[in-house]
Structure formats: C-alpha cells, structure tokens
Amino acid sequence: MKMQEVREIAKRWGVDAKIGRKKQDIIRDIQVKEGYSPCFRTQEECENDCLWKTDCLDSR
C-alpha cells in the first residue's frame, strides 16, 4: 500500500500521519485503533486478517 493511502486511512482513524513518521509506525498506530495489536512487520506469520496483512508479510 502506498504511503498516501496509509495517510488517508490514518486520517479516518485520527492517527498522526505527519511527514517524517515512518510508515510502519503509522500503521501500528492504526492497528491499535482497529483493535489489533501493533504487530506490523514484527512476526513471521500472522493469525489475524487485518487490512495490513499483505503488506506486512510481503516484506519478508
């Protein structure tokens, strides 16, 4: 997912997505708002089916 898309989602969730913040940090903050643990790019496998799963696991 492109950074612009991440920023748009962050805005909807009320997450700070200012220039200079890392994509992974913004996504982790969004995950918390979504009710998930902030696990983006921290695990080899994922049991959840969150919005970020594809980007998260494709980076490995």
PDB file of N, CA and C in Angstrom:
ATOM      1  N   MET A   1       0.857  -1.175   0.000  1.00  0.00           N
ATOM      2  CA  MET A   1       0.000   0.000   0.000  1.00  0.00           C
ATOM      3  C   MET A   1       0.905   1.241   0.000  1.00  0.00           C
ATOM      4  N   LYS A   2       0.524   2.191  -0.808  1.00  0.00           N
ATOM      5  CA  LYS A   2       1.322   3.415  -0.905  1.00  0.00           C
ATOM      6  C   LYS A   2       1.098   4.298   0.316  1.00  0.00           C
ATOM      7  N   MET A   3       2.094   5.134   0.585  1.00  0.00           N
ATOM      8  CA  MET A   3       2.064   5.993   1.772  1.00  0.00           C
ATOM      9  C   MET A   3       0.853   6.929   1.761  1.00  0.00           C
ATOM     10  N   GLN A   4       0.468   7.439   0.612  1.00  0.00           N
ATOM     11  CA  GLN A   4      -0.694   8.331   0.535  1.00  0.00           C
ATOM     12  C   GLN A   4      -1.950   7.616   1.008  1.00  0.00           C
ATOM     13  N   GLU A   5      -2.092   6.353   0.626  1.00  0.00           N
ATOM     14  CA  GLU A   5      -3.248   5.567   1.067  1.00  0.00           C
ATOM     15  C   GLU A   5      -3.216   5.356   2.583  1.00  0.00           C
ATOM     16  N   VAL A   6      -2.026   5.101   3.097  1.00  0.00           N
ATOM     17  CA  VAL A   6      -1.871   4.915   4.543  1.00  0.00           C
ATOM     18  C   VAL A   6      -2.256   6.202   5.270  1.00  0.00           C
ATOM     19  N   ARG A   7      -1.823   7.335   4.753  1.00  0.00           N
ATOM     20  CA  ARG A   7      -2.155   8.629   5.379  1.00  0.00           C
ATOM     21  C   ARG A   7      -3.667   8.892   5.366  1.00  0.00           C
ATOM     22  N   GLU A   8      -4.332   8.520   4.290  1.00  0.00           N
ATOM     23  CA  GLU A   8      -5.790   8.703   4.211  1.00  0.00           C
ATOM     24  C   GLU A   8      -6.498   7.846   5.261  1.00  0.00           C
ATOM     25  N   ILE A   9      -6.056   6.614   5.420  1.00  0.00           N
ATOM     26  CA  ILE A   9      -6.643   5.729   6.430  1.00  0.00           C
ATOM     27  C   ILE A   9      -6.341   6.263   7.825  1.00  0.00           C
ATOM     28  N   ALA A  10      -5.120   6.730   8.028  1.00  0.00           N
ATOM     29  CA  ALA A  10      -4.736   7.298   9.327  1.00  0.00           C
ATOM     30  C   ALA A  10      -5.623   8.481   9.684  1.00  0.00           C
ATOM     31  N   LYS A  11      -5.900   9.312   8.716  1.00  0.00           N
ATOM     32  CA  LYS A  11      -6.756  10.477   8.953  1.00  0.00           C
ATOM     33  C   LYS A  11      -8.146  10.045   9.424  1.00  0.00           C
ATOM     34  N   ARG A  12      -8.686   9.001   8.776  1.00  0.00           N
ATOM     35  CA  ARG A  12     -10.008   8.491   9.176  1.00  0.00           C
ATOM     36  C   ARG A  12     -10.019   7.966  10.607  1.00  0.00           C
ATOM     37  N   TRP A  13      -8.896   7.416  11.038  1.00  0.00           N
ATOM     38  CA  TRP A  13      -8.807   6.855  12.386  1.00  0.00           C
ATOM     39  C   TRP A  13      -8.302   7.865  13.411  1.00  0.00           C
ATOM     40  N   GLY A  14      -7.946   9.068  12.969  1.00  0.00           N
ATOM     41  CA  GLY A  14      -7.447  10.077  13.893  1.00  0.00           C
ATOM     42  C   GLY A  14      -6.024   9.823  14.341  1.00  0.00           C
ATOM     43  N   VAL A  15      -5.236   9.210  13.472  1.00  0.00           N
ATOM     44  CA  VAL A  15      -3.844   8.883  13.773  1.00  0.00           C
ATOM     45  C   VAL A  15      -2.930   9.919  13.127  1.00  0.00           C
ATOM     46  N   ASP A  16      -1.915  10.341  13.862  1.00  0.00           N
ATOM     47  CA  ASP A  16      -0.941  11.306  13.371  1.00  0.00           C
ATOM     48  C   ASP A  16      -0.137  10.677  12.225  1.00  0.00           C
ATOM     49  N   ALA A  17      -0.215  11.268  11.047  1.00  0.00           N
ATOM     50  CA  ALA A  17       0.494  10.749   9.878  1.00  0.00           C
ATOM     51  C   ALA A  17       1.343  11.835   9.230  1.00  0.00           C
ATOM     52  N   LYS A  18       1.878  12.711  10.049  1.00  0.00           N
ATOM     53  CA  LYS A  18       2.655  13.833   9.514  1.00  0.00           C
ATOM     54  C   LYS A  18       3.891  13.345   8.765  1.00  0.00           C
ATOM     55  N   ILE A  19       4.370  14.188   7.899  1.00  0.00           N
ATOM     56  CA  ILE A  19       5.573  13.897   7.125  1.00  0.00           C
ATOM     57  C   ILE A  19       6.716  13.643   8.104  1.00  0.00           C
ATOM     58  N   GLY A  20       7.489  12.615   7.820  1.00  0.00           N
ATOM     59  CA  GLY A  20       8.622  12.281   8.678  1.00  0.00           C
ATOM     60  C   GLY A  20       8.384  11.050   9.539  1.00  0.00           C
ATOM     61  N   ARG A  21       7.107  10.715   9.772  1.00  0.00           N
ATOM     62  CA  ARG A  21       6.813   9.487  10.524  1.00  0.00           C
ATOM     63  C   ARG A  21       6.977   8.291   9.606  1.00  0.00           C
ATOM     64  N   LYS A  22       7.522   7.226  10.141  1.00  0.00           N
ATOM     65  CA  LYS A  22       7.701   6.019   9.348  1.00  0.00           C
ATOM     66  C   LYS A  22       6.360   5.344   9.080  1.00  0.00           C
ATOM     67  N   LYS A  23       6.261   4.750   7.905  1.00  0.00           N
ATOM     68  CA  LYS A  23       5.044   4.053   7.503  1.00  0.00           C
ATOM     69  C   LYS A  23       4.667   2.990   8.531  1.00  0.00           C
ATOM     70  N   GLN A  24       5.647   2.222   8.981  1.00  0.00           N
ATOM     71  CA  GLN A  24       5.347   1.154   9.930  1.00  0.00           C
ATOM     72  C   GLN A  24       4.815   1.700  11.248  1.00  0.00           C
ATOM     73  N   ASP A  25       5.289   2.844  11.688  1.00  0.00           N
ATOM     74  CA  ASP A  25       4.804   3.438  12.934  1.00  0.00           C
ATOM     75  C   ASP A  25       3.359   3.921  12.795  1.00  0.00           C
ATOM     76  N   ILE A  26       3.052   4.510  11.653  1.00  0.00           N
ATOM     77  CA  ILE A  26       1.685   4.966  11.399  1.00  0.00           C
ATOM     78  C   ILE A  26       0.746   3.768  11.355  1.00  0.00           C
ATOM     79  N   ILE A  27       1.162   2.725  10.644  1.00  0.00           N
ATOM     80  CA  ILE A  27       0.326   1.528  10.533  1.00  0.00           C
ATOM     81  C   ILE A  27       0.118   0.889  11.901  1.00  0.00           C
ATOM     82  N   ARG A  28       1.145   0.830  12.712  1.00  0.00           N
ATOM     83  CA  ARG A  28       0.990   0.252  14.049  1.00  0.00           C
ATOM     84  C   ARG A  28       0.007   1.051  14.893  1.00  0.00           C
ATOM     85  N   ASP A  29       0.036   2.368  14.773  1.00  0.00           N
ATOM     86  CA  ASP A  29      -0.936   3.195  15.498  1.00  0.00           C
ATOM     87  C   ASP A  29      -2.357   2.932  14.995  1.00  0.00           C
ATOM     88  N   ILE A  30      -2.502   2.764  13.693  1.00  0.00           N
ATOM     89  CA  ILE A  30      -3.819   2.443  13.123  1.00  0.00           C
ATOM     90  C   ILE A  30      -4.280   1.080  13.625  1.00  0.00           C
ATOM     91  N   GLN A  31      -3.373   0.113  13.680  1.00  0.00           N
ATOM     92  CA  GLN A  31      -3.736  -1.219  14.163  1.00  0.00           C
ATOM     93  C   GLN A  31      -4.328  -1.154  15.575  1.00  0.00           C
ATOM     94  N   VAL A  32      -3.746  -0.334  16.413  1.00  0.00           N
ATOM     95  CA  VAL A  32      -4.267  -0.186  17.777  1.00  0.00           C
ATOM     96  C   VAL A  32      -5.693   0.352  17.729  1.00  0.00           C
ATOM     97  N   LYS A  33      -5.918   1.364  16.901  1.00  0.00           N
ATOM     98  CA  LYS A  33      -7.265   1.935  16.766  1.00  0.00           C
ATOM     99  C   LYS A  33      -8.258   0.911  16.220  1.00  0.00           C
ATOM    100  N   GLU A  34      -7.770   0.009  15.354  1.00  0.00           N
ATOM    101  CA  GLU A  34      -8.620  -1.029  14.770  1.00  0.00           C
ATOM    102  C   GLU A  34      -8.942  -2.142  15.760  1.00  0.00           C
ATOM    103  N   GLY A  35      -8.210  -2.166  16.863  1.00  0.00           N
ATOM    104  CA  GLY A  35      -8.444  -3.206  17.857  1.00  0.00           C
ATOM    105  C   GLY A  35      -7.485  -4.378  17.773  1.00  0.00           C
ATOM    106  N   TYR A  36      -6.438  -4.235  16.979  1.00  0.00           N
ATOM    107  CA  TYR A  36      -5.409  -5.267  16.840  1.00  0.00           C
ATOM    108  C   TYR A  36      -4.167  -4.875  17.641  1.00  0.00           C
ATOM    109  N   SER A  37      -3.292  -5.833  17.845  1.00  0.00           N
ATOM    110  CA  SER A  37      -2.010  -5.499  18.460  1.00  0.00           C
ATOM    111  C   SER A  37      -1.155  -4.807  17.394  1.00  0.00           C
ATOM    112  N   PRO A  38      -0.255  -3.926  17.810  1.00  0.00           N
ATOM    113  CA  PRO A  38       0.593  -3.206  16.853  1.00  0.00           C
ATOM    114  C   PRO A  38       1.745  -4.091  16.386  1.00  0.00           C
ATOM    115  N   CYS A  39       1.434  -5.029  15.516  1.00  0.00           N
ATOM    116  CA  CYS A  39       2.399  -6.066  15.153  1.00  0.00           C
ATOM    117  C   CYS A  39       2.980  -5.933  13.749  1.00  0.00           C
ATOM    118  N   PHE A  40       2.675  -4.875  13.037  1.00  0.00           N
ATOM    119  CA  PHE A  40       3.105  -4.731  11.642  1.00  0.00           C
ATOM    120  C   PHE A  40       4.601  -4.970  11.492  1.00  0.00           C
ATOM    121  N   ARG A  41       4.947  -5.958  10.678  1.00  0.00           N
ATOM    122  CA  ARG A  41       6.331  -6.347  10.366  1.00  0.00           C
ATOM    123  C   ARG A  41       7.140  -6.806  11.583  1.00  0.00           C
ATOM    124  N   THR A  42       6.475  -7.392  12.553  1.00  0.00           N
ATOM    125  CA  THR A  42       7.193  -7.895  13.721  1.00  0.00           C
ATOM    126  C   THR A  42       7.126  -9.414  13.836  1.00  0.00           C
ATOM    127  N   GLN A  43       6.345 -10.069  12.971  1.00  0.00           N
ATOM    128  CA  GLN A  43       6.162 -11.509  13.070  1.00  0.00           C
ATOM    129  C   GLN A  43       6.371 -12.175  11.717  1.00  0.00           C
ATOM    130  N   GLU A  44       6.744 -13.446  11.747  1.00  0.00           N
ATOM    131  CA  GLU A  44       6.927 -14.216  10.519  1.00  0.00           C
ATOM    132  C   GLU A  44       5.592 -14.695   9.952  1.00  0.00           C
ATOM    133  N   GLU A  45       4.641 -14.973  10.834  1.00  0.00           N
ATOM    134  CA  GLU A  45       3.321 -15.436  10.430  1.00  0.00           C
ATOM    135  C   GLU A  45       2.270 -14.590  11.125  1.00  0.00           C
ATOM    136  N   CYS A  46       1.074 -14.596  10.557  1.00  0.00           N
ATOM    137  CA  CYS A  46       0.012 -13.779  11.121  1.00  0.00           C
ATOM    138  C   CYS A  46      -1.268 -14.584  11.245  1.00  0.00           C
ATOM    139  N   GLU A  47      -1.883 -14.495  12.395  1.00  0.00           N
ATOM    140  CA  GLU A  47      -3.153 -15.180  12.631  1.00  0.00           C
ATOM    141  C   GLU A  47      -4.343 -14.277  12.338  1.00  0.00           C
ATOM    142  N   ASN A  48      -4.129 -12.981  12.327  1.00  0.00           N
ATOM    143  CA  ASN A  48      -5.208 -12.020  12.087  1.00  0.00           C
ATOM    144  C   ASN A  48      -5.402 -11.791  10.595  1.00  0.00           C
ATOM    145  N   ASP A  49      -6.555 -11.278  10.254  1.00  0.00           N
ATOM    146  CA  ASP A  49      -6.851 -10.944   8.866  1.00  0.00           C
ATOM    147  C   ASP A  49      -7.073  -9.435   8.770  1.00  0.00           C
ATOM    148  N   CYS A  50      -6.095  -8.673   9.208  1.00  0.00           N
ATOM    149  CA  CYS A  50      -6.239  -7.219   9.224  1.00  0.00           C
ATOM    150  C   CYS A  50      -5.938  -6.619   7.851  1.00  0.00           C
ATOM    151  N   LEU A  51      -6.219  -5.364   7.723  1.00  0.00           N
ATOM    152  CA  LEU A  51      -6.035  -4.623   6.477  1.00  0.00           C
ATOM    153  C   LEU A  51      -4.582  -4.639   5.996  1.00  0.00           C
ATOM    154  N   TRP A  52      -3.646  -4.810   6.879  1.00  0.00           N
ATOM    155  CA  TRP A  52      -2.225  -4.664   6.582  1.00  0.00           C
ATOM    156  C   TRP A  52      -1.506  -5.984   6.310  1.00  0.00           C
ATOM    157  N   LYS A  53      -2.194  -7.078   6.418  1.00  0.00           N
ATOM    158  CA  LYS A  53      -1.572  -8.408   6.343  1.00  0.00           C
ATOM    159  C   LYS A  53      -0.713  -8.588   5.090  1.00  0.00           C
ATOM    160  N   THR A  54      -1.223  -8.236   3.936  1.00  0.00           N
ATOM    161  CA  THR A  54      -0.483  -8.429   2.691  1.00  0.00           C
ATOM    162  C   THR A  54       0.821  -7.642   2.689  1.00  0.00           C
ATOM    163  N   ASP A  55       0.781  -6.361   3.024  1.00  0.00           N
ATOM    164  CA  ASP A  55       1.993  -5.537   3.073  1.00  0.00           C
ATOM    165  C   ASP A  55       2.966  -6.046   4.121  1.00  0.00           C
ATOM    166  N   CYS A  56       2.419  -6.468   5.225  1.00  0.00           N
ATOM    167  CA  CYS A  56       3.235  -6.915   6.353  1.00  0.00           C
ATOM    168  C   CYS A  56       4.034  -8.160   5.989  1.00  0.00           C
ATOM    169  N   LEU A  57       3.388  -9.159   5.459  1.00  0.00           N
ATOM    170  CA  LEU A  57       4.046 -10.424   5.183  1.00  0.00           C
ATOM    171  C   LEU A  57       4.827 -10.407   3.870  1.00  0.00           C
ATOM    172  N   ASP A  58       4.443  -9.554   2.933  1.00  0.00           N
ATOM    173  CA  ASP A  58       5.172  -9.449   1.663  1.00  0.00           C
ATOM    174  C   ASP A  58       6.552  -8.841   1.841  1.00  0.00           C
ATOM    175  N   SER A  59       6.782  -8.160   2.938  1.00  0.00           N
ATOM    176  CA  SER A  59       8.068  -7.506   3.169  1.00  0.00           C
ATOM    177  C   SER A  59       9.137  -8.478   3.623  1.00  0.00           C
ATOM    178  N   ARG A  60       8.801  -9.704   3.833  1.00  0.00           N
ATOM    179  CA  ARG A  60       9.745 -10.707   4.353  1.00  0.00           C
ATOM    180  C   ARG A  60      10.478 -11.398   3.247  1.00  0.00           C
TER     181      ARG A  60
END
